[in-house]
Amino acid sequence: MLTYSEFGAQDAPTVLIVHGLYGSGRNWGVIAKRLSDVARVVTVDQRNHGHSPWTDTHTYADMAGDLAELIEHLGAPVHVVGHSMGGKASMVLAVQNPQLVDRLIVADIAPVAYSHSQIQFITAMRAVDLSAVTRRSEAEAQLAEQGVEPALQSFFTQSLDVPQKRWRLNLDVLASEMDGILSFPDLSGQFDGSTLFLSGAASDYVLPAHRPQIKSLFPQARFAKLPDAGHWLHADKPREFEAALRTFLKLA
């Protein structure tokens, strides 16, 4: 089963947060702790990420199945918040297992295929000479030399196991499965529960042209944007993102 962390009281409403590509539950620790005053917040490491098992495949059917197993273990139904790749996995989960999901928040992603590959970051991480790294800042400096922007340097190195000199990311499988990660599976059915597509106003991941496809799968979908936020909206505007979650999930 996937590795996860819990915050808050066991008897509070459960909110499952599902990270995106190259991330981990650790990236969501601050938001999880803040929400834990009114919710039981669970942050998960998806397969091939963080401390969860490495596998030979990384499909959305795989990821949705992993999440379904975890939710059944936690006690269904739960609120689900998914960002980017985690948003796609959460959408597949909700359509295929609607009984497991109460309310759904999809953060800056649509149920469509994208053309912008993320393979360049795998190339950059592979190029880091881990044998010479004794602290995260040294890995960040090597990433900087390859043109990786500072915010992403810090983000990527949160998945670096410095003592073991290894990435907690299955870079080989993520590279081989990249086409599938960028795409979205054909789904039959729909999720009739309350759904919020929360996007960064400065991001182009969720466009008006995507709305017919969104509404076909999520007929109750509502849409909102966070001003001055990009694709990493929870990092760009963490307080506003947190407030949106509290409001939509009805967490007092």
Protein backbone atom coordinates (compact mmCIF):
# COMPACT_ATOMS: atom_id res chain seq x y z
CA MET A 1 0.00 0.00 0.00
CA LEU A 2 1.05 3.60 -0.50
CA THR A 3 2.98 5.42 2.20
CA TYR A 4 1.05 8.26 3.82
CA SER A 5 1.11 10.72 6.72
CA GLU A 6 -1.83 11.84 8.86
CA PHE A 7 -2.55 15.17 10.54
CA GLY A 8 -5.46 16.06 12.82
CA ALA A 9 -8.13 14.18 14.75
CA GLN A 10 -9.24 10.72 13.65
CA ASP A 11 -12.93 11.61 14.00
CA ALA A 12 -12.73 14.75 11.84
CA PRO A 13 -13.70 14.78 8.13
CA THR A 14 -10.92 13.15 6.08
CA VAL A 15 -9.16 15.09 3.31
CA LEU A 16 -6.78 13.11 1.08
CA ILE A 17 -4.18 15.23 -0.74
CA VAL A 18 -2.61 13.71 -3.87
CA HIS A 19 0.60 15.31 -5.16
CA GLY A 20 1.73 15.79 -8.74
CA LEU A 21 4.63 14.54 -10.84
CA TYR A 22 8.04 14.55 -9.08
CA GLY A 23 6.34 15.49 -5.80
CA SER A 24 5.51 13.75 -2.55
CA GLY A 25 3.26 14.10 0.44
CA ARG A 26 6.05 16.06 2.09
CA ASN A 27 5.43 18.97 -0.29
CA TRP A 28 1.98 19.40 1.28
CA GLY A 29 2.98 19.25 4.94
CA VAL A 30 2.42 22.93 5.75
CA ILE A 31 -1.06 23.06 4.20
CA ALA A 32 -1.95 19.71 5.80
CA LYS A 33 -0.92 20.93 9.26
CA ARG A 34 -2.92 24.14 8.87
CA LEU A 35 -6.04 22.26 7.75
CA SER A 36 -5.67 19.75 10.57
CA ASP A 37 -7.44 22.13 12.97
CA VAL A 38 -10.74 21.07 11.37
CA ALA A 39 -9.92 17.94 9.36
CA ARG A 40 -8.08 14.65 9.38
CA VAL A 41 -5.65 15.35 6.54
CA VAL A 42 -3.82 12.53 4.79
CA THR A 43 -0.88 13.27 2.49
CA VAL A 44 0.17 10.39 0.28
CA ASP A 45 3.26 9.43 -1.69
CA GLN A 46 2.11 8.06 -5.05
CA ARG A 47 3.77 4.99 -6.55
CA ASN A 48 7.31 5.62 -7.85
CA HIS A 49 7.51 8.72 -5.63
CA GLY A 50 8.68 9.41 -2.08
CA HIS A 51 8.61 6.42 0.26
CA SER A 52 5.96 4.45 -1.64
CA PRO A 53 6.82 1.30 -3.61
CA TRP A 54 8.47 1.44 -7.00
CA THR A 55 6.64 -0.43 -9.75
CA ASP A 56 7.18 -1.18 -13.43
CA THR A 57 4.13 0.79 -14.55
CA HIS A 58 2.70 4.23 -13.83
CA THR A 59 -0.72 4.46 -15.46
CA TYR A 60 -3.71 6.42 -14.22
CA ALA A 61 -5.55 3.12 -13.74
CA ASP A 62 -2.65 2.07 -11.48
CA MET A 63 -2.70 5.31 -9.53
CA ALA A 64 -6.48 5.35 -9.12
CA GLY A 65 -6.36 1.76 -7.90
CA ASP A 66 -3.68 2.68 -5.36
CA LEU A 67 -5.82 5.55 -4.06
CA ALA A 68 -8.93 3.38 -3.87
CA GLU A 69 -7.05 0.83 -1.76
CA LEU A 70 -5.82 3.57 0.56
CA ILE A 71 -9.27 5.17 0.94
CA GLU A 72 -10.83 1.81 1.79
CA HIS A 73 -8.12 1.42 4.44
CA LEU A 74 -8.76 4.93 5.82
CA GLY A 75 -12.55 4.61 5.75
CA ALA A 76 -14.62 5.92 2.86
CA PRO A 77 -15.84 8.28 1.65
CA VAL A 78 -13.24 11.06 1.87
CA HIS A 79 -12.71 14.47 0.33
CA VAL A 80 -9.98 14.31 -2.33
CA VAL A 81 -7.66 17.11 -3.44
CA GLY A 82 -5.39 16.31 -6.39
CA HIS A 83 -2.82 18.55 -8.08
CA SER A 84 -1.61 18.12 -11.66
CA MET A 85 -0.82 14.40 -12.21
CA GLY A 86 -2.44 13.77 -8.84
CA GLY A 87 -5.50 15.63 -10.09
CA LYS A 88 -5.75 13.30 -13.06
CA ALA A 89 -5.39 10.25 -10.82
CA SER A 90 -8.07 11.69 -8.53
CA MET A 91 -10.43 12.27 -11.45
CA VAL A 92 -10.06 8.65 -12.60
CA LEU A 93 -10.62 7.50 -9.02
CA ALA A 94 -13.80 9.58 -8.67
CA VAL A 95 -15.33 8.43 -11.96
CA GLN A 96 -14.51 4.76 -11.40
CA ASN A 97 -15.18 4.65 -7.65
CA PRO A 98 -17.65 7.46 -6.89
CA GLN A 99 -18.66 5.82 -3.61
CA LEU A 100 -15.17 6.50 -2.23
CA VAL A 101 -15.19 10.25 -2.87
CA ASP A 102 -17.28 12.89 -1.10
CA ARG A 103 -16.14 16.20 -2.58
CA LEU A 104 -13.39 16.52 -5.20
CA ILE A 105 -10.98 19.40 -5.83
CA VAL A 106 -8.86 19.23 -8.99
CA ALA A 107 -5.97 21.69 -8.82
CA ASP A 108 -4.80 23.16 -12.14
CA ILE A 109 -5.30 20.24 -14.49
CA ALA A 110 -8.01 19.06 -16.91
CA PRO A 111 -9.02 15.55 -18.10
CA VAL A 112 -7.19 16.04 -21.40
CA ALA A 113 -3.85 15.23 -23.02
CA TYR A 114 -1.06 17.79 -22.82
CA SER A 115 1.83 18.33 -25.22
CA HIS A 116 4.42 19.89 -22.93
CA SER A 117 6.72 17.08 -21.81
CA GLN A 118 8.33 17.06 -18.38
CA ILE A 119 11.16 14.77 -19.51
CA GLN A 120 13.71 17.59 -19.38
CA PHE A 121 13.56 17.53 -15.59
CA ILE A 122 14.34 13.81 -15.51
CA THR A 123 17.34 14.58 -17.70
CA ALA A 124 18.42 17.29 -15.26
CA MET A 125 18.03 15.07 -12.19
CA ARG A 126 19.90 12.21 -13.87
CA ALA A 127 22.76 14.59 -14.63
CA VAL A 128 23.33 15.46 -10.95
CA ASP A 129 26.53 13.83 -9.69
CA LEU A 130 25.09 12.37 -6.50
CA SER A 131 28.45 10.97 -5.43
CA ALA A 132 29.62 14.56 -4.88
CA VAL A 133 26.49 15.71 -3.01
CA THR A 134 26.63 16.02 0.79
CA ARG A 135 23.71 18.46 1.19
CA ARG A 136 20.65 19.47 -0.78
CA SER A 137 22.09 22.87 -1.67
CA GLU A 138 24.87 21.19 -3.66
CA ALA A 139 22.32 19.30 -5.74
CA GLU A 140 20.38 22.53 -6.23
CA ALA A 141 23.54 24.20 -7.53
CA GLN A 142 24.02 21.40 -10.07
CA LEU A 143 20.40 21.73 -11.18
CA ALA A 144 20.90 25.49 -11.52
CA GLU A 145 23.81 24.87 -13.89
CA GLN A 146 21.37 22.99 -16.11
CA GLY A 147 18.94 25.89 -16.19
CA VAL A 148 16.40 24.64 -13.65
CA GLU A 149 14.69 27.61 -11.98
CA PRO A 150 15.21 28.12 -8.22
CA ALA A 151 11.69 27.16 -7.11
CA LEU A 152 11.93 23.84 -8.97
CA GLN A 153 15.45 23.20 -7.66
CA SER A 154 14.08 23.25 -4.12
CA PHE A 155 11.02 21.22 -5.12
CA PHE A 156 13.02 18.44 -6.79
CA THR A 157 15.58 18.14 -4.02
CA GLN A 158 12.84 17.46 -1.48
CA SER A 159 12.83 14.03 -3.16
CA LEU A 160 16.58 13.58 -2.75
CA ASP A 161 17.86 11.07 -0.20
CA VAL A 162 21.23 12.69 0.50
CA PRO A 163 22.66 10.03 2.87
CA GLN A 164 21.81 7.23 0.41
CA LYS A 165 22.78 9.38 -2.58
CA ARG A 166 19.63 8.50 -4.51
CA TRP A 167 16.46 10.10 -5.79
CA ARG A 168 13.22 8.97 -4.16
CA LEU A 169 11.76 9.03 -7.67
CA ASN A 170 11.72 6.09 -10.08
CA LEU A 171 13.12 8.19 -12.90
CA ASP A 172 13.43 5.28 -15.35
CA VAL A 173 9.76 4.30 -15.11
CA LEU A 174 8.55 7.90 -15.04
CA ALA A 175 10.53 8.52 -18.23
CA SER A 176 9.21 5.43 -19.99
CA GLU A 177 5.63 6.24 -18.94
CA MET A 178 5.79 9.97 -19.71
CA ASP A 179 3.48 9.79 -22.75
CA GLY A 180 0.80 8.17 -20.60
CA ILE A 181 1.31 10.67 -17.77
CA LEU A 182 0.73 13.55 -20.19
CA SER A 183 -2.39 11.92 -21.64
CA PHE A 184 -5.71 11.03 -20.03
CA PRO A 185 -7.58 7.73 -20.33
CA ASP A 186 -10.95 7.32 -22.00
CA LEU A 187 -13.47 6.90 -19.21
CA SER A 188 -17.04 5.69 -19.19
CA GLY A 189 -19.35 7.06 -16.54
CA GLN A 190 -19.19 10.25 -14.53
CA PHE A 191 -18.79 11.58 -11.01
CA ASP A 192 -21.99 13.31 -9.89
CA GLY A 193 -20.56 14.68 -6.65
CA SER A 194 -19.52 18.25 -5.91
CA THR A 195 -16.35 19.07 -7.85
CA LEU A 196 -14.19 22.19 -7.97
CA PHE A 197 -11.63 22.85 -10.69
CA LEU A 198 -9.32 25.31 -8.94
CA SER A 199 -6.74 26.87 -11.25
CA GLY A 200 -3.98 29.43 -11.20
CA ALA A 201 -5.04 32.56 -13.07
CA ALA A 202 -1.56 32.77 -14.61
CA SER A 203 -1.63 29.12 -15.74
CA ASP A 204 -2.84 27.78 -19.10
CA TYR A 205 -3.48 24.21 -17.96
CA VAL A 206 -7.27 24.59 -17.66
CA LEU A 207 -8.80 26.45 -20.60
CA PRO A 208 -12.39 27.33 -21.56
CA ALA A 209 -12.04 24.81 -24.40
CA HIS A 210 -11.66 22.05 -21.81
CA ARG A 211 -15.00 22.72 -20.13
CA PRO A 212 -17.19 20.47 -22.32
CA GLN A 213 -14.94 17.48 -21.56
CA ILE A 214 -14.87 18.40 -17.86
CA LYS A 215 -18.67 18.73 -17.69
CA SER A 216 -19.18 15.40 -19.47
CA LEU A 217 -17.33 13.63 -16.65
CA PHE A 218 -18.14 16.00 -13.79
CA PRO A 219 -21.58 17.51 -14.41
CA GLN A 220 -21.55 19.35 -11.05
CA ALA A 221 -18.15 20.96 -11.76
CA ARG A 222 -17.55 24.51 -10.64
CA PHE A 223 -14.59 26.63 -11.62
CA ALA A 224 -12.43 29.12 -9.73
CA LYS A 225 -9.08 30.83 -10.25
CA LEU A 226 -6.49 32.10 -7.78
CA PRO A 227 -5.17 35.51 -8.88
CA ASP A 228 -1.42 35.81 -9.52
CA ALA A 229 -0.92 32.04 -9.21
CA GLY A 230 0.58 29.69 -11.78
CA HIS A 231 0.48 25.90 -12.11
CA TRP A 232 2.00 25.48 -8.63
CA LEU A 233 -0.90 27.47 -7.18
CA HIS A 234 -0.61 25.92 -3.71
CA ALA A 235 2.99 27.12 -3.51
CA ASP A 236 2.37 30.50 -5.16
CA LYS A 237 -0.67 31.38 -3.02
CA PRO A 238 -0.77 28.92 -0.10
CA ARG A 239 -3.13 30.91 2.12
CA GLU A 240 -5.60 31.58 -0.67
CA PHE A 241 -5.42 27.93 -1.73
CA GLU A 242 -6.07 26.83 1.85
CA ALA A 243 -9.03 29.22 2.12
CA ALA A 244 -10.54 27.82 -1.08
CA LEU A 245 -10.27 24.28 0.31
CA ARG A 246 -11.89 25.26 3.59
CA THR A 247 -14.79 26.94 1.79
CA PHE A 248 -15.50 24.29 -0.83
CA LEU A 249 -15.03 21.33 1.50
CA LYS A 250 -17.17 23.10 4.11
CA LEU A 251 -14.47 22.86 6.77
CA ALA A 252 -15.42 25.37 9.43
